[in-house]
Amino acid sequence: MISLYLMLSNEPEINEVINKITNEVERQIDLKKDGKDIKLLVTRKSIGLIKTDFGEFYVFHFTVNDEWQDYLAIFKGELDENLQPIFTNKKEVLFRIDSGCATGQLLLDKTCECRDQLNLAMREISENGEGLIIYIPTQDGRGKGLDFKLSALFLQDKFNINNVDASKLLTKDDKIDVRTYEGVVSILKFLGIGEDSILKLETNNPLKKKSLVENGYKLVEMTPILIPPTNLTKENLLAKQNWLGHLNLVPKEKHLPKTNFIDKLNNAVRISNSLVCCGLDPDLERMPDEITNGKNSDFFTVLNFLTHVINITAKHVCAYKIQKAFFEQLDNGMDLLDYVISYIHQKYPHIVIMLDSKIGDIDNTMKAYVNKWFVKEGLDALVVNPYMGEEVLDPFISNPERGAVVLVRTSNPGAATIQSIMTSGGEELWRVVLDWAIKRNKYNNIMPVLPLTQKLEFSELRKLIPQDMFVLFAGYGAQGGKLDGIQEFLNKDKAGFIINSSRNILYPYEKSDKDWKSKVEEAVINMKDTLNSIRGDVKNEK
């Protein structure tokens, strides 16, 4: 407890602070709603400081003379002498609008993801160093109220239906989301976040940006707030996607436009101005302490790491190659894999996604693989092992949307034991496999794998491989692969191949490094620049 002497000696300062935090401050805010000029009275009632698993946050209690009345502004950062937030970066203000959910956030009901969304937003703001959440406790049940929400939950359980359908049963006009956000805009203006600020809005609901845009705010991006679906939330999330226009975060059949594999790859190369393929091989033992020292499960730790890496590298790569084995070793790892695929699709749909599981089997098994990874997950390519023969490529030969990345010659040290066996025709086995793949490349959707760890005659191979047939080179970086002579493999478009790197991009830092993100970015940019220096005069597509 503070001593009486200390209180008396600091009485003027204490009184000044008490006056600042207890005196209500009112402001009338001008803004627009549906094209009309309106005024809202905003009152700052009180200010406090909370200490959470995600760090310290200032909490402002506001009232607004609108239909929602009560608001909390949860702020990470510094305050000025007038107790106003100080944003050091107004060009990218990390911001979330969060509607109250008593059942999920207070009572920990698992049929919604509201608590996890709020926690994730707080964590990301804490990692960013500053940011703001405006929380609206009276918007429970999408603005219809707690009683409405409880009734919908009862119907969900009674009739085994999703939340959207249950909510529709309780209304006569299908208006199950009546939330408005002009009060949020008025609080932003009160806090000094004007139209000169650019917001990075964390939400899955596009309607939340309407009032912001109407009142002059610019969005640097609308980024999903991503919580992996569970058996209890998946149907609700799908319903919100299908009926309420929320972002597509749950994999579903044929939810992506059909695109020829080679066309998509060429497009990704142009947009990123890059021949870099980033391998996603999540290894918990190599991730930074900042990521692994928290209280999250392995699932959320890996998810946090990979979403950061994807956001850092996306503008510098044309493809991601996901190594399935690293996911299979985790509890619920396949759910995590589905989620990572959906994340890339949602945020960076132009980037090619390949799954490295080295599959190759009989026809009905290949059909099952194709149904899972192309039809349900929307992948662009699978890494396949050709040694089961024709059945391996049959699903690809007739469909240009599906890419087959064929293991021809690989980068591991022991590969020659099998791949360099001399055949009866006098050729090494890998050359026979290469010729086999080339002859079956009817739709130019087959991409052979070759190593950078072995000395190959690139000019000779380029003559054998058609100009418009891409090659995936493996072994760059941690495996010691060299780029000597790789320029011989460029086609007329100064492309024709991509190079995969996993460990060099994912883990170019010490685990204790605080600036690990900048080192990941530096690693991928260095690789991109190295390859572009070989390509010559190439430019980004704007």
Protein backbone atom coordinates (compact mmCIF):
# COMPACT_ATOMS: atom_id res chain seq x y z
CA MET A 1 0.00 0.00 0.00
CA ILE A 2 1.14 3.57 -0.67
CA SER A 3 2.32 5.30 2.48
CA LEU A 4 0.50 8.32 3.91
CA TYR A 5 3.73 10.33 3.67
CA LEU A 6 4.09 9.54 -0.02
CA MET A 7 0.48 10.44 -0.68
CA LEU A 8 0.84 13.78 1.04
CA SER A 9 4.14 14.60 -0.64
CA ASN A 10 2.68 13.88 -4.08
CA GLU A 11 -0.79 15.25 -3.45
CA PRO A 12 -0.80 17.78 -6.33
CA GLU A 13 0.28 15.14 -8.87
CA ILE A 14 -2.15 12.56 -7.52
CA ASN A 15 -5.02 15.03 -7.64
CA GLU A 16 -4.12 15.99 -11.20
CA VAL A 17 -4.18 12.35 -12.29
CA ILE A 18 -7.44 11.69 -10.47
CA ASN A 19 -9.05 14.68 -12.15
CA LYS A 20 -7.90 13.54 -15.58
CA ILE A 21 -9.17 10.00 -15.28
CA THR A 22 -12.48 10.76 -13.51
CA ASN A 23 -13.62 13.93 -15.27
CA GLU A 24 -15.92 13.07 -18.14
CA VAL A 25 -15.02 14.56 -21.49
CA GLU A 26 -17.72 15.17 -24.09
CA ARG A 27 -17.37 15.93 -27.78
CA GLN A 28 -19.87 16.23 -30.59
CA ILE A 29 -18.65 14.41 -33.68
CA ASP A 30 -19.78 15.13 -37.25
CA LEU A 31 -20.00 12.18 -39.58
CA LYS A 32 -22.03 10.54 -42.32
CA LYS A 33 -24.52 7.70 -42.29
CA ASP A 34 -26.05 6.38 -45.52
CA GLY A 35 -25.14 9.59 -47.31
CA LYS A 36 -26.62 11.91 -44.68
CA ASP A 37 -24.81 14.22 -42.26
CA ILE A 38 -25.35 13.25 -38.62
CA LYS A 39 -23.94 14.26 -35.24
CA LEU A 40 -23.11 11.94 -32.35
CA LEU A 41 -22.29 12.92 -28.78
CA VAL A 42 -19.31 10.94 -27.48
CA THR A 43 -18.46 10.91 -23.78
CA ARG A 44 -15.25 9.50 -22.35
CA LYS A 45 -16.34 8.16 -18.97
CA SER A 46 -13.18 6.59 -17.54
CA ILE A 47 -9.75 5.12 -18.29
CA GLY A 48 -8.02 2.07 -16.83
CA LEU A 49 -5.03 -0.21 -17.42
CA ILE A 50 -5.39 -3.98 -17.71
CA LYS A 51 -2.64 -6.62 -17.59
CA THR A 52 -3.31 -9.65 -19.78
CA ASP A 53 -1.53 -12.69 -21.22
CA PHE A 54 -0.92 -10.46 -24.24
CA GLY A 55 0.56 -7.53 -22.34
CA GLU A 56 -0.79 -4.26 -20.95
CA PHE A 57 -3.64 -2.35 -22.57
CA TYR A 58 -5.36 0.94 -21.75
CA VAL A 59 -9.15 0.61 -21.67
CA PHE A 60 -11.38 3.64 -22.31
CA HIS A 61 -15.08 3.50 -21.45
CA PHE A 62 -17.19 5.58 -23.84
CA THR A 63 -20.86 6.26 -24.19
CA VAL A 64 -22.37 7.36 -27.51
CA ASN A 65 -25.92 8.59 -28.03
CA ASP A 66 -26.71 5.88 -30.57
CA GLU A 67 -28.56 2.57 -30.30
CA TRP A 68 -25.55 0.76 -28.77
CA GLN A 69 -24.64 3.36 -26.12
CA ASP A 70 -21.69 1.57 -24.44
CA TYR A 71 -18.27 1.10 -26.00
CA LEU A 72 -14.81 0.07 -24.81
CA ALA A 73 -11.67 1.19 -26.63
CA ILE A 74 -8.83 -1.25 -25.90
CA PHE A 75 -5.55 0.44 -26.80
CA LYS A 76 -1.93 -0.74 -26.88
CA GLY A 77 0.62 2.07 -26.94
CA GLU A 78 1.47 5.33 -25.19
CA LEU A 79 -0.82 8.18 -24.07
CA ASP A 80 -0.14 11.89 -24.29
CA GLU A 81 -0.65 14.33 -21.41
CA ASN A 82 -4.35 14.58 -22.26
CA LEU A 83 -4.72 10.79 -22.12
CA GLN A 84 -5.11 10.53 -25.88
CA PRO A 85 -3.48 7.61 -27.74
CA ILE A 86 -0.21 8.27 -29.53
CA PHE A 87 0.13 6.37 -32.81
CA THR A 88 3.71 6.29 -34.07
CA ASN A 89 2.58 4.85 -37.42
CA LYS A 90 -0.60 6.42 -38.77
CA LYS A 91 0.00 4.86 -42.18
CA GLU A 92 -0.98 1.45 -40.83
CA VAL A 93 -3.12 1.52 -37.69
CA LEU A 94 -3.90 -2.06 -36.64
CA PHE A 95 -7.59 -1.96 -35.77
CA ARG A 96 -10.47 -4.30 -34.94
CA ILE A 97 -14.18 -3.80 -34.29
CA ASP A 98 -15.36 -6.49 -31.85
CA SER A 99 -19.02 -7.12 -31.02
CA GLY A 100 -19.81 -8.45 -27.55
CA CYS A 101 -20.55 -12.13 -27.04
CA ALA A 102 -21.48 -13.04 -23.47
CA THR A 103 -21.81 -16.76 -24.20
CA GLY A 104 -18.50 -17.13 -26.02
CA GLN A 105 -16.28 -14.52 -24.39
CA LEU A 106 -17.63 -14.67 -20.84
CA LEU A 107 -19.10 -18.17 -20.48
CA LEU A 108 -16.57 -19.84 -22.84
CA ASP A 109 -19.14 -21.47 -25.11
CA LYS A 110 -17.29 -23.36 -27.86
CA THR A 111 -19.96 -23.10 -30.55
CA CYS A 112 -18.55 -19.71 -31.61
CA GLU A 113 -15.02 -18.38 -32.08
CA CYS A 114 -15.62 -14.92 -30.55
CA ARG A 115 -13.29 -15.30 -27.57
CA ASP A 116 -10.51 -16.70 -29.75
CA GLN A 117 -10.93 -13.82 -32.21
CA LEU A 118 -10.64 -11.21 -29.45
CA ASN A 119 -7.60 -12.96 -27.97
CA LEU A 120 -5.93 -13.22 -31.37
CA ALA A 121 -6.52 -9.53 -32.09
CA MET A 122 -5.02 -8.57 -28.71
CA ARG A 123 -2.02 -10.79 -29.31
CA GLU A 124 -1.36 -9.41 -32.80
CA ILE A 125 -1.71 -5.82 -31.57
CA SER A 126 0.70 -6.58 -28.74
CA GLU A 127 3.23 -8.06 -31.17
CA ASN A 128 2.78 -5.00 -33.41
CA GLY A 129 3.52 -2.69 -30.47
CA GLU A 130 0.40 -0.58 -30.90
CA GLY A 131 -3.16 -0.85 -32.11
CA LEU A 132 -6.80 -0.44 -31.14
CA ILE A 133 -9.86 -2.62 -30.58
CA ILE A 134 -13.27 -1.00 -30.22
CA TYR A 135 -15.47 -3.42 -28.31
CA ILE A 136 -19.26 -3.06 -28.36
CA PRO A 137 -20.75 -5.17 -25.51
CA THR A 138 -24.35 -4.39 -26.46
CA GLN A 139 -24.01 -5.89 -29.94
CA ASP A 140 -24.47 -9.48 -28.77
CA GLY A 141 -26.39 -11.72 -31.16
CA ARG A 142 -25.31 -9.57 -34.17
CA GLY A 143 -27.10 -6.65 -32.55
CA LYS A 144 -30.31 -8.56 -31.81
CA GLY A 145 -29.42 -8.96 -28.14
CA LEU A 146 -28.49 -11.66 -25.66
CA ASP A 147 -32.02 -13.11 -25.42
CA PHE A 148 -32.08 -13.57 -29.19
CA LYS A 149 -28.63 -15.19 -29.06
CA LEU A 150 -29.65 -17.64 -26.33
CA SER A 151 -32.76 -18.65 -28.26
CA ALA A 152 -30.70 -19.25 -31.38
CA LEU A 153 -28.27 -21.44 -29.44
CA PHE A 154 -31.16 -23.51 -28.13
CA LEU A 155 -32.50 -24.04 -31.66
CA GLN A 156 -29.03 -24.94 -32.93
CA ASP A 157 -28.76 -27.76 -30.44
CA LYS A 158 -32.39 -28.90 -30.63
CA PHE A 159 -32.54 -29.21 -34.43
CA ASN A 160 -28.83 -29.65 -35.26
CA ILE A 161 -28.71 -26.56 -37.47
CA ASN A 162 -26.18 -23.75 -37.90
CA ASN A 163 -26.43 -20.38 -36.16
CA VAL A 164 -27.54 -18.50 -39.28
CA ASP A 165 -30.46 -20.84 -39.92
CA ALA A 166 -31.41 -20.77 -36.24
CA SER A 167 -31.38 -16.96 -36.29
CA LYS A 168 -33.56 -16.89 -39.42
CA LEU A 169 -36.17 -19.01 -37.63
CA LEU A 170 -36.43 -16.29 -34.99
CA THR A 171 -37.00 -13.42 -37.43
CA LYS A 172 -39.68 -12.61 -39.97
CA ASP A 173 -37.60 -10.52 -42.33
CA ASP A 174 -34.27 -12.43 -42.45
CA LYS A 175 -32.52 -9.37 -40.95
CA ILE A 176 -30.36 -11.32 -38.54
CA ASP A 177 -27.49 -8.79 -38.46
CA VAL A 178 -28.65 -5.30 -37.46
CA ARG A 179 -25.31 -3.91 -36.26
CA THR A 180 -24.18 -0.43 -37.28
CA TYR A 181 -20.76 1.14 -36.82
CA GLU A 182 -21.14 4.93 -36.93
CA GLY A 183 -20.46 4.97 -33.18
CA VAL A 184 -17.12 3.33 -33.87
CA VAL A 185 -16.26 6.09 -36.34
CA SER A 186 -17.17 8.75 -33.77
CA ILE A 187 -14.81 7.19 -31.20
CA LEU A 188 -11.99 7.00 -33.73
CA LYS A 189 -12.38 10.71 -34.38
CA PHE A 190 -12.57 11.43 -30.63
CA LEU A 191 -9.27 9.59 -30.14
CA GLY A 192 -7.58 11.65 -32.84
CA ILE A 193 -7.58 8.95 -35.51
CA GLY A 194 -8.71 11.07 -38.43
CA GLU A 195 -9.01 10.46 -42.16
CA ASP A 196 -5.25 10.99 -42.51
CA SER A 197 -4.80 7.65 -40.75
CA ILE A 198 -4.85 4.45 -42.77
CA LEU A 199 -6.51 1.51 -41.05
CA LYS A 200 -5.50 -2.14 -41.21
CA LEU A 201 -8.88 -3.60 -40.36
CA GLU A 202 -8.86 -7.09 -38.81
CA THR A 203 -12.21 -8.66 -39.62
CA ASN A 204 -13.91 -11.40 -41.62
CA ASN A 205 -17.03 -9.26 -42.11
CA PRO A 206 -16.85 -6.84 -45.09
CA LEU A 207 -19.82 -4.84 -43.72
CA LYS A 208 -17.59 -3.47 -40.96
CA LYS A 209 -15.68 -1.34 -43.45
CA LYS A 210 -18.77 0.42 -44.87
CA SER A 211 -19.04 3.21 -42.28
CA LEU A 212 -15.27 3.68 -42.24
CA VAL A 213 -15.05 4.15 -46.00
CA GLU A 214 -18.11 6.41 -46.08
CA ASN A 215 -16.45 8.69 -43.53
CA GLY A 216 -13.24 9.06 -45.49
CA TYR A 217 -11.01 6.42 -43.98
CA LYS A 218 -8.63 4.49 -46.16
CA LEU A 219 -7.90 0.83 -45.54
CA VAL A 220 -4.38 -0.40 -46.15
CA GLU A 221 -6.03 -3.82 -46.18
CA MET A 222 -8.88 -5.80 -44.69
CA THR A 223 -7.11 -8.75 -43.15
CA PRO A 224 -8.91 -11.87 -41.90
CA ILE A 225 -8.97 -12.64 -38.19
CA LEU A 226 -8.23 -16.31 -38.54
CA ILE A 227 -9.38 -18.94 -36.07
CA PRO A 228 -9.13 -22.57 -37.24
CA PRO A 229 -12.59 -24.12 -37.56
CA THR A 230 -13.57 -26.89 -35.15
CA ASN A 231 -16.31 -29.48 -35.36
CA LEU A 232 -18.48 -27.10 -33.32
CA THR A 233 -17.79 -23.96 -35.38
CA LYS A 234 -17.23 -25.18 -38.94
CA GLU A 235 -20.90 -25.21 -40.02
CA ASN A 236 -21.48 -21.77 -38.48
CA LEU A 237 -18.47 -20.35 -40.33
CA LEU A 238 -19.61 -21.86 -43.62
CA ALA A 239 -23.09 -20.38 -43.09
CA LYS A 240 -21.61 -16.93 -42.45
CA GLN A 241 -19.58 -17.25 -45.65
CA ASN A 242 -22.55 -18.38 -47.74
CA TRP A 243 -25.30 -16.13 -46.34
CA LEU A 244 -23.66 -13.15 -44.62
CA GLY A 245 -20.79 -12.52 -47.03
CA HIS A 246 -17.98 -13.24 -44.58
CA LEU A 247 -14.56 -14.10 -45.96
CA ASN A 248 -14.09 -17.70 -47.13
CA LEU A 249 -11.98 -19.18 -44.36
CA VAL A 250 -13.30 -22.75 -44.38
CA PRO A 251 -12.22 -25.02 -47.24
CA LYS A 252 -15.13 -26.10 -49.38
CA GLU A 253 -15.48 -27.89 -52.65
CA LYS A 254 -14.74 -25.88 -55.79
CA HIS A 255 -14.62 -22.55 -53.99
CA LEU A 256 -11.78 -21.30 -56.20
CA PRO A 257 -11.98 -20.35 -59.88
CA LYS A 258 -10.57 -22.93 -62.27
CA THR A 259 -7.22 -21.83 -63.67
CA ASN A 260 -4.76 -23.59 -65.93
CA PHE A 261 -1.77 -24.50 -63.76
CA ILE A 262 0.90 -23.08 -66.06
CA ASP A 263 -1.09 -19.88 -66.62
CA LYS A 264 -1.39 -19.35 -62.88
CA LEU A 265 2.32 -20.00 -62.35
CA ASN A 266 3.32 -17.60 -65.13
CA ASN A 267 0.97 -14.99 -63.68
CA ALA A 268 2.44 -15.42 -60.20
CA VAL A 269 5.96 -15.01 -61.57
CA ARG A 270 4.94 -11.75 -63.28
CA ILE A 271 3.14 -10.32 -60.23
CA SER A 272 5.91 -11.13 -57.77
CA ASN A 273 8.74 -10.56 -60.25
CA SER A 274 10.24 -13.65 -58.68
CA LEU A 275 11.27 -17.23 -59.34
CA VAL A 276 11.33 -18.02 -55.62
CA CYS A 277 9.28 -20.87 -54.21
CA CYS A 278 9.16 -20.75 -50.41
CA GLY A 279 8.96 -24.09 -48.64
CA LEU A 280 6.69 -24.15 -45.60
CA ASP A 281 8.33 -26.69 -43.28
CA PRO A 282 7.29 -25.67 -39.74
CA ASP A 283 9.85 -26.90 -37.20
CA LEU A 284 9.00 -25.89 -33.62
CA GLU A 285 12.61 -26.36 -32.48
CA ARG A 286 13.84 -23.69 -34.91
CA MET A 287 11.15 -21.08 -34.44
CA PRO A 288 12.02 -17.83 -32.59
CA ASP A 289 11.60 -17.62 -28.82
CA GLU A 290 9.13 -14.78 -29.32
CA ILE A 291 6.80 -17.29 -30.99
CA THR A 292 7.42 -20.40 -28.85
CA ASN A 293 7.66 -18.86 -25.37
CA GLY A 294 3.94 -18.10 -25.09
CA LYS A 295 1.16 -20.17 -23.57
CA ASN A 296 -0.30 -21.31 -26.88
CA SER A 297 -0.62 -24.92 -27.98
CA ASP A 298 1.71 -26.22 -30.68
CA PHE A 299 -1.19 -25.77 -33.12
CA PHE A 300 -1.53 -22.04 -32.49
CA THR A 301 2.24 -21.53 -32.16
CA VAL A 302 2.84 -22.97 -35.63
CA LEU A 303 -0.15 -21.11 -37.04
CA ASN A 304 1.16 -17.83 -35.63
CA PHE A 305 4.63 -18.43 -37.08
CA LEU A 306 3.42 -19.46 -40.53
CA THR A 307 0.95 -16.60 -40.94
CA HIS A 308 3.75 -14.16 -40.10
CA VAL A 309 6.10 -15.84 -42.59
CA ILE A 310 3.45 -15.89 -45.31
CA ASN A 311 2.64 -12.21 -44.80
CA ILE A 312 6.34 -11.31 -44.93
CA THR A 313 7.21 -13.37 -48.01
CA ALA A 314 4.02 -13.19 -50.11
CA LYS A 315 5.08 -10.22 -52.24
CA HIS A 316 8.44 -11.85 -53.01
CA VAL A 317 7.46 -15.40 -54.02
CA CYS A 318 5.53 -17.02 -56.84
CA ALA A 319 4.76 -20.28 -55.01
CA TYR A 320 4.63 -22.03 -51.66
CA LYS A 321 5.58 -25.69 -51.32
CA ILE A 322 4.01 -27.10 -48.16
CA GLN A 323 5.78 -30.12 -46.68
CA LYS A 324 3.01 -32.36 -45.33
CA ALA A 325 5.21 -34.35 -42.93
CA PHE A 326 5.83 -31.34 -40.68
CA PHE A 327 2.08 -30.97 -40.19
CA GLU A 328 1.37 -34.67 -39.70
CA GLN A 329 3.58 -34.78 -36.59
CA LEU A 330 1.40 -32.18 -34.81
CA ASP A 331 -1.84 -32.81 -32.94
CA ASN A 332 -4.64 -31.72 -35.31
CA GLY A 333 -1.92 -31.08 -37.87
CA MET A 334 -4.13 -31.83 -40.85
CA ASP A 335 -6.65 -29.23 -39.66
CA LEU A 336 -3.75 -26.79 -39.42
CA LEU A 337 -2.66 -27.68 -42.95
CA ASP A 338 -6.19 -27.05 -44.27
CA TYR A 339 -6.17 -23.73 -42.48
CA VAL A 340 -2.84 -22.59 -43.92
CA ILE A 341 -4.05 -23.43 -47.43
CA SER A 342 -7.23 -21.41 -46.84
CA TYR A 343 -5.19 -18.50 -45.47
CA ILE A 344 -3.05 -18.28 -48.60
CA HIS A 345 -6.09 -18.64 -50.86
CA GLN A 346 -7.90 -15.85 -49.03
CA LYS A 347 -5.09 -13.32 -48.74
CA TYR A 348 -2.85 -14.13 -51.72
CA PRO A 349 -4.99 -16.01 -54.28
CA HIS A 350 -2.52 -15.47 -57.14
CA ILE A 351 0.24 -17.51 -55.47
CA VAL A 352 0.65 -21.15 -56.51
CA ILE A 353 0.30 -23.70 -53.68
CA MET A 354 2.00 -27.07 -53.99
CA LEU A 355 1.76 -29.92 -51.49
CA ASP A 356 4.88 -32.00 -51.01
CA SER A 357 3.71 -35.45 -49.94
CA LYS A 358 5.47 -37.40 -52.71
CA ILE A 359 2.42 -39.49 -53.50
CA GLY A 360 2.18 -42.15 -56.17
CA ASP A 361 -0.27 -45.03 -56.20
CA ILE A 362 -2.82 -47.07 -58.13
CA ASP A 363 -5.68 -45.41 -59.96
CA ASN A 364 -8.40 -45.46 -57.28
CA THR A 365 -5.97 -44.20 -54.64
CA MET A 366 -4.80 -41.41 -56.91
CA LYS A 367 -8.44 -40.48 -57.48
CA ALA A 368 -8.88 -40.14 -53.71
CA TYR A 369 -5.78 -37.94 -53.45
CA VAL A 370 -7.01 -35.74 -56.29
CA ASN A 371 -10.46 -35.40 -54.73
CA LYS A 372 -8.98 -34.36 -51.38
CA TRP A 373 -6.29 -31.94 -52.48
CA PHE A 374 -7.63 -30.45 -55.71
CA VAL A 375 -11.41 -30.63 -55.40
CA LYS A 376 -11.83 -30.00 -51.66
CA GLU A 377 -8.72 -27.94 -50.86
CA GLY A 378 -8.17 -26.13 -54.16
CA LEU A 379 -4.45 -26.87 -54.40
CA ASP A 380 -2.57 -26.05 -57.59
CA ALA A 381 -0.08 -28.92 -57.63
CA LEU A 382 1.01 -32.12 -55.90
CA VAL A 383 4.53 -33.49 -55.70
CA VAL A 384 4.27 -37.03 -57.07
CA ASN A 385 6.54 -40.07 -57.08
CA PRO A 386 6.50 -41.55 -60.61
CA TYR A 387 7.63 -45.06 -59.75
CA MET A 388 4.10 -46.53 -59.76
CA GLY A 389 3.97 -45.72 -63.46
CA GLU A 390 1.17 -44.45 -65.67
CA GLU A 391 -1.53 -44.34 -62.99
CA VAL A 392 0.36 -41.61 -61.16
CA LEU A 393 0.01 -39.08 -63.97
CA ASP A 394 -3.34 -40.18 -65.39
CA PRO A 395 -5.39 -37.73 -63.23
CA PHE A 396 -3.20 -34.85 -64.50
CA ILE A 397 -2.88 -35.67 -68.20
CA SER A 398 -6.55 -34.91 -68.83
CA ASN A 399 -6.87 -31.84 -66.60
CA PRO A 400 -4.74 -28.69 -67.12
CA GLU A 401 -5.86 -27.19 -63.78
CA ARG A 402 -3.92 -29.80 -61.83
CA GLY A 403 -0.16 -29.51 -61.62
CA ALA A 404 2.02 -32.59 -61.15
CA VAL A 405 5.50 -31.91 -59.76
CA VAL A 406 7.34 -35.09 -60.76
CA LEU A 407 10.34 -36.35 -58.80
CA VAL A 408 12.84 -36.88 -61.62
CA ARG A 409 16.17 -36.35 -59.89
CA THR A 410 16.26 -35.18 -56.28
CA SER A 411 18.73 -33.22 -54.16
CA ASN A 412 19.33 -35.65 -51.29
CA PRO A 413 22.82 -37.25 -51.10
CA GLY A 414 21.58 -40.82 -51.48
CA ALA A 415 19.46 -40.17 -54.57
CA ALA A 416 22.00 -41.59 -57.02
CA THR A 417 21.69 -45.07 -55.48
CA ILE A 418 18.41 -45.51 -57.38
CA GLN A 419 18.06 -42.60 -59.75
CA SER A 420 21.42 -43.07 -61.47
CA ILE A 421 20.99 -46.79 -62.18
CA MET A 422 21.80 -47.52 -65.80
CA THR A 423 18.85 -48.85 -67.78
CA SER A 424 18.91 -51.41 -70.56
CA GLY A 425 18.76 -48.53 -73.03
CA GLY A 426 22.05 -47.15 -71.73
CA GLU A 427 20.58 -44.14 -69.93
CA GLU A 428 20.47 -43.29 -66.25
CA LEU A 429 17.05 -44.00 -64.77
CA TRP A 430 16.30 -40.35 -63.95
CA ARG A 431 16.75 -39.39 -67.60
CA VAL A 432 14.23 -42.02 -68.63
CA VAL A 433 11.77 -40.63 -66.07
CA LEU A 434 12.37 -37.10 -67.38
CA ASP A 435 11.64 -38.20 -70.94
CA TRP A 436 8.51 -40.04 -69.73
CA ALA A 437 7.22 -36.87 -68.00
CA ILE A 438 7.96 -34.63 -71.00
CA LYS A 439 6.02 -36.91 -73.37
CA ARG A 440 2.97 -36.80 -71.09
CA ASN A 441 2.96 -33.01 -70.73
CA LYS A 442 -0.06 -32.55 -73.00
CA TYR A 443 -1.44 -29.50 -71.13
CA ASN A 444 1.92 -28.20 -69.87
CA ASN A 445 0.91 -28.91 -66.28
CA ILE A 446 3.73 -31.32 -65.46
CA MET A 447 6.84 -29.89 -63.77
CA PRO A 448 9.93 -32.06 -63.24
CA VAL A 449 12.11 -31.73 -60.14
CA LEU A 450 15.88 -31.40 -60.70
CA PRO A 451 18.64 -30.76 -58.13
CA LEU A 452 21.03 -27.88 -57.70
CA THR A 453 23.26 -30.13 -55.58
CA GLN A 454 24.44 -32.13 -58.61
CA LYS A 455 26.37 -30.85 -61.59
CA LEU A 456 23.99 -31.00 -64.53
CA GLU A 457 24.36 -29.85 -68.11
CA PHE A 458 21.71 -27.14 -67.99
CA SER A 459 21.99 -26.10 -71.64
CA GLU A 460 21.61 -29.71 -72.76
CA LEU A 461 18.59 -30.28 -70.50
CA ARG A 462 16.91 -27.08 -71.62
CA LYS A 463 17.04 -28.35 -75.19
CA LEU A 464 15.25 -31.53 -74.11
CA ILE A 465 12.65 -29.77 -71.97
CA PRO A 466 10.18 -27.56 -73.92
CA GLN A 467 10.57 -23.80 -73.43
CA ASP A 468 7.19 -23.41 -71.79
CA MET A 469 7.64 -26.36 -69.42
CA PHE A 470 8.68 -25.17 -65.96
CA VAL A 471 11.21 -27.02 -63.78
CA LEU A 472 11.37 -26.97 -59.98
CA PHE A 473 14.97 -26.88 -58.74
CA ALA A 474 15.60 -28.25 -55.26
CA GLY A 475 18.52 -28.16 -52.85
CA TYR A 476 19.21 -24.41 -52.80
CA GLY A 477 20.41 -22.89 -49.53
CA ALA A 478 20.77 -25.25 -46.57
CA GLN A 479 21.55 -28.25 -48.84
CA GLY A 480 24.34 -26.34 -50.54
CA GLY A 481 22.92 -26.20 -54.06
CA LYS A 482 24.75 -23.95 -56.53
CA LEU A 483 23.40 -21.64 -59.24
CA ASP A 484 26.38 -22.04 -61.57
CA GLY A 485 25.09 -22.12 -65.13
CA ILE A 486 21.42 -21.80 -64.16
CA GLN A 487 21.04 -18.95 -66.67
CA GLU A 488 21.18 -21.60 -69.38
CA PHE A 489 17.80 -22.79 -68.18
CA LEU A 490 16.01 -19.48 -68.70
CA ASN A 491 13.41 -19.56 -71.44
CA LYS A 492 12.50 -16.73 -73.80
CA ASP A 493 10.40 -15.11 -71.05
CA LYS A 494 13.38 -15.11 -68.67
CA ALA A 495 11.61 -17.69 -66.54
CA GLY A 496 11.11 -21.42 -67.16
CA PHE A 497 12.09 -22.56 -63.69
CA ILE A 498 11.45 -21.84 -60.03
CA ILE A 499 13.75 -22.58 -57.11
CA ASN A 500 12.57 -23.82 -53.74
CA SER A 501 14.12 -22.77 -50.45
CA SER A 502 12.74 -23.69 -47.04
CA ARG A 503 15.20 -23.44 -44.15
CA ASN A 504 17.14 -20.51 -45.62
CA ILE A 505 13.98 -18.40 -45.68
CA LEU A 506 12.18 -19.71 -42.59
CA TYR A 507 15.06 -19.81 -40.12
CA PRO A 508 17.83 -17.29 -40.97
CA TYR A 509 18.12 -16.09 -37.35
CA GLU A 510 19.04 -17.10 -33.83
CA LYS A 511 16.07 -18.21 -31.74
CA SER A 512 16.63 -15.27 -29.37
CA ASP A 513 16.56 -12.65 -32.14
CA LYS A 514 13.92 -9.98 -31.61
CA ASP A 515 14.19 -8.86 -35.24
CA TRP A 516 13.62 -12.32 -36.70
CA LYS A 517 10.89 -11.02 -39.03
CA SER A 518 13.25 -8.59 -40.73
CA LYS A 519 15.77 -11.41 -41.21
CA VAL A 520 13.13 -13.59 -42.87
CA GLU A 521 12.28 -10.69 -45.17
CA GLU A 522 15.95 -10.05 -45.89
CA ALA A 523 16.51 -13.72 -46.75
CA VAL A 524 13.66 -13.95 -49.24
CA ILE A 525 14.54 -10.61 -50.86
CA ASN A 526 18.19 -11.62 -51.19
CA MET A 527 17.21 -14.85 -52.92
CA LYS A 528 14.77 -13.03 -55.19
CA ASP A 529 17.39 -10.40 -56.11
CA THR A 530 20.03 -13.07 -56.75
CA LEU A 531 17.78 -14.87 -59.20
CA ASN A 532 16.65 -11.64 -60.84
CA SER A 533 20.25 -10.60 -61.38
CA ILE A 534 20.62 -13.79 -63.43
CA ARG A 535 17.38 -13.09 -65.30
CA GLY A 536 18.44 -9.58 -66.30
CA ASP A 537 15.96 -6.81 -67.03
CA VAL A 538 12.66 -7.93 -65.48
CA LYS A 539 10.03 -5.79 -63.81
CA ASN A 540 7.11 -6.28 -61.45
CA GLU A 541 3.60 -6.34 -62.87
CA LYS A 542 1.77 -3.35 -61.39
